[in-house]
Amino acid sequence: MTATVERSRAALWVAGARPRTLPAAVAPVLVGTGTAAFAGSPRWGLAVLALLVSLALQVGVNYANDYSDGVRGTDADRVGPLRLVGSGSASPAAVKRAAFAALAVAALAGLAVVVLSGQWWLLAVGAAAIAAAWFYTGGPRPYGYAGLGEVFVFVFFGLVAVCGTTVVQTGRVDAATVVGAVVIGSLASALLVANNLRDIVGDRAAGKRTLATRLGDRGTRVLYAALVGVGAVGVVVVAALTTWWALLGLAMLVPAVPAVRTVLRGALGRDLIPVLARTGTTELLAALGLFAGLLLG
């Protein structure tokens, strides 16, 4: 019986970490390493450490959001995956400790990346990323409640993550890396847009002013389609700058087209959950395609 209870508790914590969001942490490292490899300067050990940083930050963000939204009571009308605090499955203090532990792992792995690469200025970038992870829904004035979540996702899980992965391996950033960062940032932002569109009714009721509640239903749907479109166009630009093998990234269109169609047709609430899965797959396929194409090139 005890073993069964422990497995159930472990399953709850794994669910609370929201593993379906982890492709958003893997994707930027793939693209940044791909452009480093195309430049002839991959450093695979640093790529693995960068992946650890990205994954730990993503888990830390997820637990931090669970804690902060739970103590604020904004998860009361939630239609998405389990939240530990909001559901009463774990205490706020325990979830807060889990968030801090994940962010500490990210900090230690990031420090190792800085020491090994010699890019000491990245210490400031890492500190900013950890602060952004916590203050998304934490602190007295969370920026996620001010409609800025998508901006910070674009910056930190797009521009910073991709360019940072490349610069620690090559010491520089080129145009293809920047465009690849825009691809990943746009698709990561699209994932958050779809998430906030799904929760728009509950967020309005809770006073959570996400970008979706500010733009309204129609504007949010148009934004989602535009972000996916930017991602697709960006793949073509990366290919033009590097090798046409990078067009393998257009495999993203297989899940992206039905996802965009569902959003533009007005799906609501739980009907948007498949869109979240398809958007995550879209981002991962774009990254895998770019990575493979750049290696082949």
C-alpha atoms as a PDB file:
ATOM      1  CA  MET A   1       0.000   0.000   0.000  1.00  0.00           C
ATOM      2  CA  THR A   2       2.794   2.410   0.922  1.00  0.00           C
ATOM      3  CA  ALA A   3       4.550   1.802  -2.387  1.00  0.00           C
ATOM      4  CA  THR A   4       1.306   2.485  -4.257  1.00  0.00           C
ATOM      5  CA  VAL A   5       0.796   5.747  -2.381  1.00  0.00           C
ATOM      6  CA  GLU A   6       4.372   6.822  -3.111  1.00  0.00           C
ATOM      7  CA  ARG A   7       3.936   6.064  -6.812  1.00  0.00           C
ATOM      8  CA  SER A   8       0.723   8.082  -6.840  1.00  0.00           C
ATOM      9  CA  ARG A   9       2.449  11.015  -5.163  1.00  0.00           C
ATOM     10  CA  ALA A  10       5.342  10.812  -7.611  1.00  0.00           C
ATOM     11  CA  ALA A  11       2.893  10.750 -10.528  1.00  0.00           C
ATOM     12  CA  LEU A  12       1.233  13.893  -9.170  1.00  0.00           C
ATOM     13  CA  TRP A  13       4.558  15.713  -8.978  1.00  0.00           C
ATOM     14  CA  VAL A  14       5.472  14.621 -12.493  1.00  0.00           C
ATOM     15  CA  ALA A  15       2.101  15.874 -13.738  1.00  0.00           C
ATOM     16  CA  GLY A  16       2.671  19.136 -11.848  1.00  0.00           C
ATOM     17  CA  ALA A  17       5.957  19.594 -13.696  1.00  0.00           C
ATOM     18  CA  ARG A  18       3.861  19.584 -16.905  1.00  0.00           C
ATOM     19  CA  PRO A  19       6.079  17.339 -19.037  1.00  0.00           C
ATOM     20  CA  ARG A  20       4.131  18.227 -22.188  1.00  0.00           C
ATOM     21  CA  THR A  21       5.699  21.697 -22.040  1.00  0.00           C
ATOM     22  CA  LEU A  22       9.258  20.336 -22.109  1.00  0.00           C
ATOM     23  CA  PRO A  23       9.584  20.359 -25.926  1.00  0.00           C
ATOM     24  CA  ALA A  24       9.631  24.158 -25.558  1.00  0.00           C
ATOM     25  CA  ALA A  25      12.852  23.724 -23.548  1.00  0.00           C
ATOM     26  CA  VAL A  26      14.423  21.212 -25.935  1.00  0.00           C
ATOM     27  CA  ALA A  27      13.673  23.118 -29.156  1.00  0.00           C
ATOM     28  CA  PRO A  28      15.920  26.178 -28.646  1.00  0.00           C
ATOM     29  CA  VAL A  29      18.914  24.032 -27.714  1.00  0.00           C
ATOM     30  CA  LEU A  30      18.445  21.944 -30.866  1.00  0.00           C
ATOM     31  CA  VAL A  31      18.354  25.012 -33.105  1.00  0.00           C
ATOM     32  CA  GLY A  32      21.258  26.761 -31.374  1.00  0.00           C
ATOM     33  CA  THR A  33      23.372  23.629 -31.563  1.00  0.00           C
ATOM     34  CA  GLY A  34      22.376  23.159 -35.210  1.00  0.00           C
ATOM     35  CA  THR A  35      23.660  26.583 -36.199  1.00  0.00           C
ATOM     36  CA  ALA A  36      26.830  25.974 -34.180  1.00  0.00           C
ATOM     37  CA  ALA A  37      27.353  22.693 -36.032  1.00  0.00           C
ATOM     38  CA  PHE A  38      26.753  24.361 -39.393  1.00  0.00           C
ATOM     39  CA  ALA A  39      29.429  26.901 -38.458  1.00  0.00           C
ATOM     40  CA  GLY A  40      31.765  23.978 -37.767  1.00  0.00           C
ATOM     41  CA  SER A  41      32.120  24.607 -34.042  1.00  0.00           C
ATOM     42  CA  PRO A  42      29.775  22.301 -32.104  1.00  0.00           C
ATOM     43  CA  ARG A  43      30.677  21.568 -28.481  1.00  0.00           C
ATOM     44  CA  TRP A  44      28.408  18.701 -27.527  1.00  0.00           C
ATOM     45  CA  GLY A  45      29.180  18.750 -23.815  1.00  0.00           C
ATOM     46  CA  LEU A  46      28.156  22.394 -23.582  1.00  0.00           C
ATOM     47  CA  ALA A  47      25.037  21.604 -25.621  1.00  0.00           C
ATOM     48  CA  VAL A  48      24.031  18.963 -23.058  1.00  0.00           C
ATOM     49  CA  LEU A  49      24.583  21.426 -20.207  1.00  0.00           C
ATOM     50  CA  ALA A  50      22.565  24.071 -22.053  1.00  0.00           C
ATOM     51  CA  LEU A  51      19.761  21.525 -22.415  1.00  0.00           C
ATOM     52  CA  LEU A  52      19.858  20.871 -18.675  1.00  0.00           C
ATOM     53  CA  VAL A  53      19.607  24.614 -18.013  1.00  0.00           C
ATOM     54  CA  SER A  54      16.645  24.948 -20.352  1.00  0.00           C
ATOM     55  CA  LEU A  55      14.776  21.931 -18.965  1.00  0.00           C
ATOM     56  CA  ALA A  56      15.340  22.981 -15.353  1.00  0.00           C
ATOM     57  CA  LEU A  57      14.132  26.506 -16.105  1.00  0.00           C
ATOM     58  CA  GLN A  58      10.983  25.151 -17.763  1.00  0.00           C
ATOM     59  CA  VAL A  59      10.189  22.886 -14.803  1.00  0.00           C
ATOM     60  CA  GLY A  60      10.960  25.747 -12.420  1.00  0.00           C
ATOM     61  CA  VAL A  61       8.585  28.051 -14.304  1.00  0.00           C
ATOM     62  CA  ASN A  62       5.858  25.408 -14.196  1.00  0.00           C
ATOM     63  CA  TYR A  63       6.145  24.824 -10.451  1.00  0.00           C
ATOM     64  CA  ALA A  64       6.452  28.560  -9.783  1.00  0.00           C
ATOM     65  CA  ASN A  65       3.272  29.229 -11.773  1.00  0.00           C
ATOM     66  CA  ASP A  66       1.506  26.408  -9.928  1.00  0.00           C
ATOM     67  CA  TYR A  67       2.485  27.941  -6.593  1.00  0.00           C
ATOM     68  CA  SER A  68       1.749  31.572  -7.417  1.00  0.00           C
ATOM     69  CA  ASP A  69      -1.552  30.960  -9.220  1.00  0.00           C
ATOM     70  CA  GLY A  70      -2.603  28.561  -6.484  1.00  0.00           C
ATOM     71  CA  VAL A  71      -2.044  30.959  -3.591  1.00  0.00           C
ATOM     72  CA  ARG A  72      -3.759  33.753  -5.548  1.00  0.00           C
ATOM     73  CA  GLY A  73      -6.763  31.532  -6.265  1.00  0.00           C
ATOM     74  CA  THR A  74      -6.615  32.076 -10.035  1.00  0.00           C
ATOM     75  CA  ASP A  75      -6.769  28.326 -10.743  1.00  0.00           C
ATOM     76  CA  ALA A  76     -10.325  27.990  -9.414  1.00  0.00           C
ATOM     77  CA  ASP A  77     -11.953  27.884 -12.885  1.00  0.00           C
ATOM     78  CA  ARG A  78      -9.057  26.210 -14.677  1.00  0.00           C
ATOM     79  CA  VAL A  79      -9.856  23.767 -17.518  1.00  0.00           C
ATOM     80  CA  GLY A  80      -6.288  22.651 -18.209  1.00  0.00           C
ATOM     81  CA  PRO A  81      -3.921  20.095 -16.652  1.00  0.00           C
ATOM     82  CA  LEU A  82      -3.694  19.391 -12.918  1.00  0.00           C
ATOM     83  CA  ARG A  83      -2.279  22.090 -10.689  1.00  0.00           C
ATOM     84  CA  LEU A  84      -0.839  20.843  -7.412  1.00  0.00           C
ATOM     85  CA  VAL A  85      -1.757  23.793  -5.202  1.00  0.00           C
ATOM     86  CA  GLY A  86      -5.076  24.600  -6.841  1.00  0.00           C
ATOM     87  CA  SER A  87      -6.260  20.999  -6.570  1.00  0.00           C
ATOM     88  CA  GLY A  88      -5.024  20.587  -3.004  1.00  0.00           C
ATOM     89  CA  SER A  89      -2.693  17.763  -4.056  1.00  0.00           C
ATOM     90  CA  ALA A  90       0.345  19.463  -2.484  1.00  0.00           C
ATOM     91  CA  SER A  91       0.953  22.303  -0.067  1.00  0.00           C
ATOM     92  CA  PRO A  92       1.989  25.713  -1.372  1.00  0.00           C
ATOM     93  CA  ALA A  93       5.232  25.497   0.611  1.00  0.00           C
ATOM     94  CA  ALA A  94       6.155  22.159  -0.976  1.00  0.00           C
ATOM     95  CA  VAL A  95       5.501  23.415  -4.505  1.00  0.00           C
ATOM     96  CA  LYS A  96       7.482  26.581  -3.799  1.00  0.00           C
ATOM     97  CA  ARG A  97      10.432  24.459  -2.631  1.00  0.00           C
ATOM     98  CA  ALA A  98      10.186  22.378  -5.812  1.00  0.00           C
ATOM     99  CA  ALA A  99      10.266  25.547  -7.915  1.00  0.00           C
ATOM    100  CA  PHE A 100      13.332  26.844  -6.091  1.00  0.00           C
ATOM    101  CA  ALA A 101      15.061  23.457  -6.402  1.00  0.00           C
ATOM    102  CA  ALA A 102      14.526  23.359 -10.170  1.00  0.00           C
ATOM    103  CA  LEU A 103      15.746  26.939 -10.555  1.00  0.00           C
ATOM    104  CA  ALA A 104      18.809  26.090  -8.439  1.00  0.00           C
ATOM    105  CA  VAL A 105      19.626  23.213 -10.813  1.00  0.00           C
ATOM    106  CA  ALA A 106      19.324  25.650 -13.713  1.00  0.00           C
ATOM    107  CA  ALA A 107      21.644  28.100 -11.944  1.00  0.00           C
ATOM    108  CA  LEU A 108      24.306  25.472 -11.218  1.00  0.00           C
ATOM    109  CA  ALA A 109      24.214  24.063 -14.742  1.00  0.00           C
ATOM    110  CA  GLY A 110      24.343  27.589 -16.115  1.00  0.00           C
ATOM    111  CA  LEU A 111      27.370  28.379 -13.977  1.00  0.00           C
ATOM    112  CA  ALA A 112      29.112  25.312 -15.391  1.00  0.00           C
ATOM    113  CA  VAL A 113      28.318  26.507 -18.929  1.00  0.00           C
ATOM    114  CA  VAL A 114      29.786  29.939 -18.159  1.00  0.00           C
ATOM    115  CA  VAL A 115      32.966  28.527 -16.621  1.00  0.00           C
ATOM    116  CA  LEU A 116      33.570  26.077 -19.463  1.00  0.00           C
ATOM    117  CA  SER A 117      32.780  28.562 -22.243  1.00  0.00           C
ATOM    118  CA  GLY A 118      34.446  31.585 -20.667  1.00  0.00           C
ATOM    119  CA  GLN A 119      31.411  33.735 -21.536  1.00  0.00           C
ATOM    120  CA  TRP A 120      31.188  35.400 -18.117  1.00  0.00           C
ATOM    121  CA  TRP A 121      28.708  38.042 -19.244  1.00  0.00           C
ATOM    122  CA  LEU A 122      26.136  35.253 -19.482  1.00  0.00           C
ATOM    123  CA  LEU A 123      25.938  35.255 -15.681  1.00  0.00           C
ATOM    124  CA  ALA A 124      23.790  38.384 -15.923  1.00  0.00           C
ATOM    125  CA  VAL A 125      21.632  36.788 -18.620  1.00  0.00           C
ATOM    126  CA  GLY A 126      21.149  33.689 -16.477  1.00  0.00           C
ATOM    127  CA  ALA A 127      20.157  35.754 -13.456  1.00  0.00           C
ATOM    128  CA  ALA A 128      17.629  37.617 -15.595  1.00  0.00           C
ATOM    129  CA  ALA A 129      16.209  34.328 -16.887  1.00  0.00           C
ATOM    130  CA  ILE A 130      15.746  32.964 -13.358  1.00  0.00           C
ATOM    131  CA  ALA A 131      14.107  36.209 -12.239  1.00  0.00           C
ATOM    132  CA  ALA A 132      11.795  36.081 -15.269  1.00  0.00           C
ATOM    133  CA  ALA A 133      10.870  32.494 -14.396  1.00  0.00           C
ATOM    134  CA  TRP A 134       9.770  33.470 -10.892  1.00  0.00           C
ATOM    135  CA  PHE A 135       8.118  36.807 -11.568  1.00  0.00           C
ATOM    136  CA  TYR A 136       5.985  35.520 -14.457  1.00  0.00           C
ATOM    137  CA  THR A 137       3.210  34.894 -11.919  1.00  0.00           C
ATOM    138  CA  GLY A 138       5.153  35.513  -8.688  1.00  0.00           C
ATOM    139  CA  GLY A 139       5.863  38.642  -6.689  1.00  0.00           C
ATOM    140  CA  PRO A 140       3.602  41.634  -6.061  1.00  0.00           C
ATOM    141  CA  ARG A 141       3.326  42.600  -9.748  1.00  0.00           C
ATOM    142  CA  PRO A 142       3.633  39.486 -11.936  1.00  0.00           C
ATOM    143  CA  TYR A 143       4.202  40.400 -15.557  1.00  0.00           C
ATOM    144  CA  GLY A 144       2.127  37.427 -16.705  1.00  0.00           C
ATOM    145  CA  TYR A 145      -0.893  39.218 -15.224  1.00  0.00           C
ATOM    146  CA  ALA A 146      -0.021  42.339 -17.197  1.00  0.00           C
ATOM    147  CA  GLY A 147      -0.223  40.752 -20.638  1.00  0.00           C
ATOM    148  CA  LEU A 148       3.566  40.450 -21.053  1.00  0.00           C
ATOM    149  CA  GLY A 149       3.941  36.679 -20.793  1.00  0.00           C
ATOM    150  CA  GLU A 150       4.283  36.123 -24.529  1.00  0.00           C
ATOM    151  CA  VAL A 151       6.944  38.828 -24.806  1.00  0.00           C
ATOM    152  CA  PHE A 152       9.106  37.233 -22.137  1.00  0.00           C
ATOM    153  CA  VAL A 153       8.617  33.743 -23.599  1.00  0.00           C
ATOM    154  CA  PHE A 154       9.723  35.046 -26.995  1.00  0.00           C
ATOM    155  CA  VAL A 155      12.790  36.682 -25.464  1.00  0.00           C
ATOM    156  CA  PHE A 156      13.931  33.987 -23.024  1.00  0.00           C
ATOM    157  CA  PHE A 157      12.753  30.741 -24.663  1.00  0.00           C
ATOM    158  CA  GLY A 158      13.484  32.092 -28.129  1.00  0.00           C
ATOM    159  CA  LEU A 159      16.157  34.739 -28.528  1.00  0.00           C
ATOM    160  CA  VAL A 160      18.130  34.112 -25.336  1.00  0.00           C
ATOM    161  CA  ALA A 161      17.932  30.298 -25.361  1.00  0.00           C
ATOM    162  CA  VAL A 162      18.835  29.812 -29.028  1.00  0.00           C
ATOM    163  CA  CYS A 163      21.489  32.521 -29.271  1.00  0.00           C
ATOM    164  CA  GLY A 164      22.919  31.584 -25.893  1.00  0.00           C
ATOM    165  CA  THR A 165      23.277  27.946 -26.947  1.00  0.00           C
ATOM    166  CA  THR A 166      25.137  29.020 -30.055  1.00  0.00           C
ATOM    167  CA  VAL A 167      27.377  31.609 -28.463  1.00  0.00           C
ATOM    168  CA  VAL A 168      28.708  29.276 -25.761  1.00  0.00           C
ATOM    169  CA  GLN A 169      29.766  26.872 -28.498  1.00  0.00           C
ATOM    170  CA  THR A 170      31.058  29.254 -31.172  1.00  0.00           C
ATOM    171  CA  GLY A 171      31.683  32.538 -29.352  1.00  0.00           C
ATOM    172  CA  ARG A 172      29.467  34.444 -31.789  1.00  0.00           C
ATOM    173  CA  VAL A 173      25.949  34.716 -33.197  1.00  0.00           C
ATOM    174  CA  ASP A 174      25.175  34.941 -36.911  1.00  0.00           C
ATOM    175  CA  ALA A 175      22.067  35.911 -38.861  1.00  0.00           C
ATOM    176  CA  ALA A 176      20.853  32.322 -39.225  1.00  0.00           C
ATOM    177  CA  THR A 177      20.973  31.876 -35.450  1.00  0.00           C
ATOM    178  CA  VAL A 178      18.933  35.029 -34.870  1.00  0.00           C
ATOM    179  CA  VAL A 179      16.300  33.980 -37.407  1.00  0.00           C
ATOM    180  CA  GLY A 180      16.213  30.494 -35.885  1.00  0.00           C
ATOM    181  CA  ALA A 181      15.673  32.140 -32.509  1.00  0.00           C
ATOM    182  CA  VAL A 182      12.729  34.075 -33.958  1.00  0.00           C
ATOM    183  CA  VAL A 183      11.255  30.812 -35.272  1.00  0.00           C
ATOM    184  CA  ILE A 184      11.444  29.141 -31.871  1.00  0.00           C
ATOM    185  CA  GLY A 185      10.385  32.249 -29.952  1.00  0.00           C
ATOM    186  CA  SER A 186       7.326  32.693 -32.164  1.00  0.00           C
ATOM    187  CA  LEU A 187       6.225  29.069 -31.785  1.00  0.00           C
ATOM    188  CA  ALA A 188       6.859  29.076 -28.028  1.00  0.00           C
ATOM    189  CA  SER A 189       4.766  32.239 -27.781  1.00  0.00           C
ATOM    190  CA  ALA A 190       2.049  30.587 -29.890  1.00  0.00           C
ATOM    191  CA  LEU A 191       1.926  27.803 -27.311  1.00  0.00           C
ATOM    192  CA  LEU A 192       1.305  30.315 -24.532  1.00  0.00           C
ATOM    193  CA  VAL A 193      -1.266  32.162 -26.650  1.00  0.00           C
ATOM    194  CA  ALA A 194      -3.190  28.903 -27.159  1.00  0.00           C
ATOM    195  CA  ASN A 195      -2.955  28.157 -23.436  1.00  0.00           C
ATOM    196  CA  ASN A 196      -4.292  31.598 -22.498  1.00  0.00           C
ATOM    197  CA  LEU A 197      -7.028  31.392 -25.137  1.00  0.00           C
ATOM    198  CA  ARG A 198      -8.169  28.140 -23.548  1.00  0.00           C
ATOM    199  CA  ASP A 199      -8.257  29.795 -20.093  1.00  0.00           C
ATOM    200  CA  ILE A 200      -9.627  33.171 -21.205  1.00  0.00           C
ATOM    201  CA  VAL A 201     -12.988  32.850 -19.421  1.00  0.00           C
ATOM    202  CA  GLY A 202     -11.492  31.707 -16.121  1.00  0.00           C
ATOM    203  CA  ASP A 203      -8.702  34.282 -16.281  1.00  0.00           C
ATOM    204  CA  ARG A 204     -11.215  37.081 -16.814  1.00  0.00           C
ATOM    205  CA  ALA A 205     -13.241  35.885 -13.849  1.00  0.00           C
ATOM    206  CA  ALA A 206     -10.102  35.751 -11.672  1.00  0.00           C
ATOM    207  CA  GLY A 207      -8.887  39.192 -12.821  1.00  0.00           C
ATOM    208  CA  LYS A 208      -5.831  37.715 -14.530  1.00  0.00           C
ATOM    209  CA  ARG A 209      -5.052  40.167 -17.345  1.00  0.00           C
ATOM    210  CA  THR A 210      -3.243  37.972 -19.845  1.00  0.00           C
ATOM    211  CA  LEU A 211      -2.622  39.120 -23.388  1.00  0.00           C
ATOM    212  CA  ALA A 212      -5.617  37.000 -24.441  1.00  0.00           C
ATOM    213  CA  THR A 213      -7.978  38.846 -22.096  1.00  0.00           C
ATOM    214  CA  ARG A 214      -6.631  42.152 -23.399  1.00  0.00           C
ATOM    215  CA  LEU A 215      -6.837  41.309 -27.111  1.00  0.00           C
ATOM    216  CA  GLY A 216     -10.138  39.502 -26.831  1.00  0.00           C
ATOM    217  CA  ASP A 217     -11.176  36.237 -28.415  1.00  0.00           C
ATOM    218  CA  ARG A 218     -10.824  37.166 -32.094  1.00  0.00           C
ATOM    219  CA  GLY A 219      -7.592  39.105 -31.709  1.00  0.00           C
ATOM    220  CA  THR A 220      -5.994  36.220 -29.803  1.00  0.00           C
ATOM    221  CA  ARG A 221      -6.915  33.754 -32.545  1.00  0.00           C
ATOM    222  CA  VAL A 222      -5.411  35.986 -35.222  1.00  0.00           C
ATOM    223  CA  LEU A 223      -2.246  36.402 -33.136  1.00  0.00           C
ATOM    224  CA  TYR A 224      -1.895  32.629 -32.802  1.00  0.00           C
ATOM    225  CA  ALA A 225      -2.126  32.112 -36.564  1.00  0.00           C
ATOM    226  CA  ALA A 226       0.344  34.964 -37.173  1.00  0.00           C
ATOM    227  CA  LEU A 227       2.930  33.524 -34.789  1.00  0.00           C
ATOM    228  CA  VAL A 228       2.741  30.112 -36.453  1.00  0.00           C
ATOM    229  CA  GLY A 229       3.092  31.833 -39.827  1.00  0.00           C
ATOM    230  CA  VAL A 230       6.187  33.706 -38.655  1.00  0.00           C
ATOM    231  CA  GLY A 231       7.682  30.381 -37.572  1.00  0.00           C
ATOM    232  CA  ALA A 232       7.117  28.821 -40.996  1.00  0.00           C
ATOM    233  CA  VAL A 233       8.520  31.819 -42.878  1.00  0.00           C
ATOM    234  CA  GLY A 234      11.508  31.869 -40.538  1.00  0.00           C
ATOM    235  CA  VAL A 235      12.372  28.270 -41.416  1.00  0.00           C
ATOM    236  CA  VAL A 236      12.542  29.268 -45.089  1.00  0.00           C
ATOM    237  CA  VAL A 237      14.782  32.242 -44.253  1.00  0.00           C
ATOM    238  CA  VAL A 238      17.151  30.043 -42.231  1.00  0.00           C
ATOM    239  CA  ALA A 239      17.364  27.674 -45.207  1.00  0.00           C
ATOM    240  CA  ALA A 240      18.150  30.590 -47.545  1.00  0.00           C
ATOM    241  CA  LEU A 241      20.943  31.735 -45.210  1.00  0.00           C
ATOM    242  CA  THR A 242      22.467  28.295 -44.683  1.00  0.00           C
ATOM    243  CA  THR A 243      21.409  25.176 -46.577  1.00  0.00           C
ATOM    244  CA  TRP A 244      18.175  24.103 -48.217  1.00  0.00           C
ATOM    245  CA  TRP A 245      18.320  20.977 -46.060  1.00  0.00           C
ATOM    246  CA  ALA A 246      16.998  23.255 -43.314  1.00  0.00           C
ATOM    247  CA  LEU A 247      13.627  23.155 -45.094  1.00  0.00           C
ATOM    248  CA  LEU A 248      13.163  19.896 -43.208  1.00  0.00           C
ATOM    249  CA  GLY A 249      11.897  22.256 -40.496  1.00  0.00           C
ATOM    250  CA  LEU A 250       8.737  22.734 -42.543  1.00  0.00           C
ATOM    251  CA  ALA A 251       7.638  19.349 -41.187  1.00  0.00           C
ATOM    252  CA  MET A 252       6.131  21.633 -38.542  1.00  0.00           C
ATOM    253  CA  LEU A 253       3.263  22.319 -40.953  1.00  0.00           C
ATOM    254  CA  VAL A 254       1.852  18.803 -40.493  1.00  0.00           C
ATOM    255  CA  PRO A 255       0.543  19.521 -36.962  1.00  0.00           C
ATOM    256  CA  ALA A 256       0.463  23.307 -37.410  1.00  0.00           C
ATOM    257  CA  VAL A 257      -2.148  23.464 -40.181  1.00  0.00           C
ATOM    258  CA  PRO A 258      -4.892  21.581 -38.273  1.00  0.00           C
ATOM    259  CA  ALA A 259      -4.031  23.509 -35.101  1.00  0.00           C
ATOM    260  CA  VAL A 260      -4.443  26.871 -36.840  1.00  0.00           C
ATOM    261  CA  ARG A 261      -7.639  25.664 -38.486  1.00  0.00           C
ATOM    262  CA  THR A 262      -9.085  24.639 -35.116  1.00  0.00           C
ATOM    263  CA  VAL A 263      -8.205  27.977 -33.532  1.00  0.00           C
ATOM    264  CA  LEU A 264      -9.599  30.070 -36.380  1.00  0.00           C
ATOM    265  CA  ARG A 265     -12.822  28.063 -36.402  1.00  0.00           C
ATOM    266  CA  GLY A 266     -13.542  29.184 -32.857  1.00  0.00           C
ATOM    267  CA  ALA A 267     -12.766  26.200 -30.616  1.00  0.00           C
ATOM    268  CA  LEU A 268     -13.201  26.968 -26.914  1.00  0.00           C
ATOM    269  CA  GLY A 269     -12.136  25.569 -23.546  1.00  0.00           C
ATOM    270  CA  ARG A 270     -11.297  21.880 -23.551  1.00  0.00           C
ATOM    271  CA  ASP A 271     -11.584  21.763 -27.338  1.00  0.00           C
ATOM    272  CA  LEU A 272      -8.343  23.751 -27.415  1.00  0.00           C
ATOM    273  CA  ILE A 273      -6.368  21.140 -25.468  1.00  0.00           C
ATOM    274  CA  PRO A 274      -5.461  19.233 -28.678  1.00  0.00           C
ATOM    275  CA  VAL A 275      -4.240  22.551 -30.100  1.00  0.00           C
ATOM    276  CA  LEU A 276      -1.757  22.825 -27.239  1.00  0.00           C
ATOM    277  CA  ALA A 277      -0.405  19.353 -28.009  1.00  0.00           C
ATOM    278  CA  ARG A 278      -0.162  20.122 -31.728  1.00  0.00           C
ATOM    279  CA  THR A 279       1.547  23.458 -31.080  1.00  0.00           C
ATOM    280  CA  GLY A 280       4.155  21.786 -28.897  1.00  0.00           C
ATOM    281  CA  THR A 281       4.700  19.199 -31.630  1.00  0.00           C
ATOM    282  CA  THR A 282       4.930  22.010 -34.199  1.00  0.00           C
ATOM    283  CA  GLU A 283       7.739  23.689 -32.275  1.00  0.00           C
ATOM    284  CA  LEU A 284       9.594  20.421 -31.723  1.00  0.00           C
ATOM    285  CA  LEU A 285       9.338  19.375 -35.397  1.00  0.00           C
ATOM    286  CA  ALA A 286      10.564  22.789 -36.542  1.00  0.00           C
ATOM    287  CA  ALA A 287      13.552  22.476 -34.219  1.00  0.00           C
ATOM    288  CA  LEU A 288      14.310  18.863 -35.138  1.00  0.00           C
ATOM    289  CA  GLY A 289      14.025  19.656 -38.839  1.00  0.00           C
ATOM    290  CA  LEU A 290      16.338  22.661 -38.576  1.00  0.00           C
ATOM    291  CA  PHE A 291      18.815  20.707 -36.450  1.00  0.00           C
ATOM    292  CA  ALA A 292      18.907  17.753 -38.839  1.00  0.00           C
ATOM    293  CA  GLY A 293      19.044  19.988 -41.904  1.00  0.00           C
ATOM    294  CA  LEU A 294      21.885  22.085 -40.547  1.00  0.00           C
ATOM    295  CA  LEU A 295      23.857  18.964 -39.659  1.00  0.00           C
ATOM    296  CA  LEU A 296      23.282  17.536 -43.133  1.00  0.00           C
ATOM    297  CA  GLY A 297      24.264  20.863 -44.653  1.00  0.00           C
END
